[in-house]
Amino acid sequence: MEIPVVDFSKVNGKERADTMALIDHYCKEWGFFQLINHNISEELLDRVKKVAIECYKLEREAGFKNSKSVQLLNELVTRRAMRK
């Protein structure tokens, strides 16, 4: 299985409707896709990535670590480690 790919260069041309339908489909069915030929600079992508990581650390990481699922997983790991 591969990550779906959308060629953004096709959004301004004859294939616009098909490309937009593909984006819609991937958003609904996959929740994500790889966008190629978007003309966004590597510098901007790196800056956005850094901001997203910092936002996650500030807003989500503590909540994730304290979630019931993670606590249960930690308990399971601890129990298995004690058996050895």
Protein backbone atom coordinates (compact mmCIF):
# COMPACT_ATOMS: atom_id res chain seq x y z
CA MET A 1 0.00 0.00 0.00
CA GLU A 2 1.32 3.45 -0.87
CA ILE A 3 0.48 6.94 0.26
CA PRO A 4 -1.82 8.62 -2.28
CA VAL A 5 -0.12 11.26 -4.45
CA VAL A 6 -1.67 14.35 -6.04
CA ASP A 7 0.13 16.31 -8.76
CA PHE A 8 -0.80 19.90 -7.95
CA SER A 9 0.47 21.19 -11.30
CA LYS A 10 -2.68 19.71 -12.83
CA VAL A 11 -5.00 21.91 -10.78
CA ASN A 12 -4.70 24.75 -13.33
CA GLY A 13 -5.60 23.10 -16.59
CA LYS A 14 -7.77 20.54 -18.34
CA GLU A 15 -7.41 18.08 -15.47
CA ARG A 16 -8.56 20.52 -12.78
CA ALA A 17 -11.90 18.82 -12.07
CA ASP A 18 -10.29 15.37 -11.87
CA THR A 19 -7.51 16.67 -9.62
CA MET A 20 -9.96 18.39 -7.27
CA ALA A 21 -12.07 15.21 -7.14
CA LEU A 22 -8.95 13.23 -6.30
CA ILE A 23 -8.09 15.62 -3.47
CA ASP A 24 -11.65 15.34 -2.15
CA HIS A 25 -11.51 11.55 -2.33
CA TYR A 26 -8.15 11.28 -0.56
CA CYS A 27 -9.25 13.68 2.18
CA LYS A 28 -12.40 11.66 2.85
CA GLU A 29 -10.98 8.15 2.45
CA TRP A 30 -7.40 8.52 3.65
CA GLY A 31 -7.30 11.76 5.63
CA PHE A 32 -4.02 12.72 3.94
CA PHE A 33 -2.03 12.55 0.71
CA GLN A 34 1.33 13.59 -0.70
CA LEU A 35 1.21 16.77 -2.75
CA ILE A 36 3.82 17.06 -5.51
CA ASN A 37 4.64 19.90 -7.92
CA HIS A 38 3.22 22.48 -5.52
CA ASN A 39 6.06 25.03 -5.91
CA ILE A 40 6.35 25.59 -2.15
CA SER A 41 9.96 26.23 -1.18
CA GLU A 42 11.88 23.79 1.02
CA GLU A 43 12.63 26.68 3.37
CA LEU A 44 8.94 27.39 3.96
CA LEU A 45 8.17 23.68 4.38
CA ASP A 46 10.95 23.41 7.00
CA ARG A 47 9.62 26.45 8.87
CA VAL A 48 6.06 25.09 8.89
CA LYS A 49 7.33 21.71 10.12
CA LYS A 50 9.20 23.35 13.00
CA VAL A 51 6.14 25.38 14.02
CA ALA A 52 3.92 22.28 13.85
CA ILE A 53 6.33 20.32 16.04
CA GLU A 54 6.48 23.10 18.62
CA CYS A 55 2.69 23.45 18.60
CA TYR A 56 2.32 19.71 19.18
CA LYS A 57 4.79 19.81 22.05
CA LEU A 58 2.97 22.71 23.70
CA GLU A 59 -0.60 21.59 23.11
CA ARG A 60 -0.79 17.83 22.67
CA GLU A 61 2.20 15.93 23.98
CA ALA A 62 1.31 16.13 27.68
CA GLY A 63 -2.30 15.16 27.01
CA PHE A 64 -1.18 12.21 24.91
CA LYS A 65 1.27 10.99 27.55
CA ASN A 66 -1.43 11.25 30.21
CA SER A 67 -4.16 9.59 28.14
CA LYS A 68 -5.84 6.44 29.40
CA SER A 69 -4.55 4.44 26.40
CA VAL A 70 -0.94 5.34 27.09
CA GLN A 71 -1.35 4.69 30.81
CA LEU A 72 -2.76 1.22 30.09
CA LEU A 73 0.06 0.49 27.67
CA ASN A 74 2.64 1.59 30.26
CA GLU A 75 1.01 -0.69 32.86
CA LEU A 76 1.17 -3.61 30.44
CA VAL A 77 4.84 -2.98 29.69
CA THR A 78 5.61 -2.72 33.40
CA ARG A 79 3.80 -5.99 34.17
CA ARG A 80 5.66 -7.82 31.40
CA ALA A 81 8.98 -6.42 32.57
CA MET A 82 8.26 -7.64 36.11
CA ARG A 83 7.62 -11.19 34.84
CA LYS A 84 11.13 -11.45 33.42
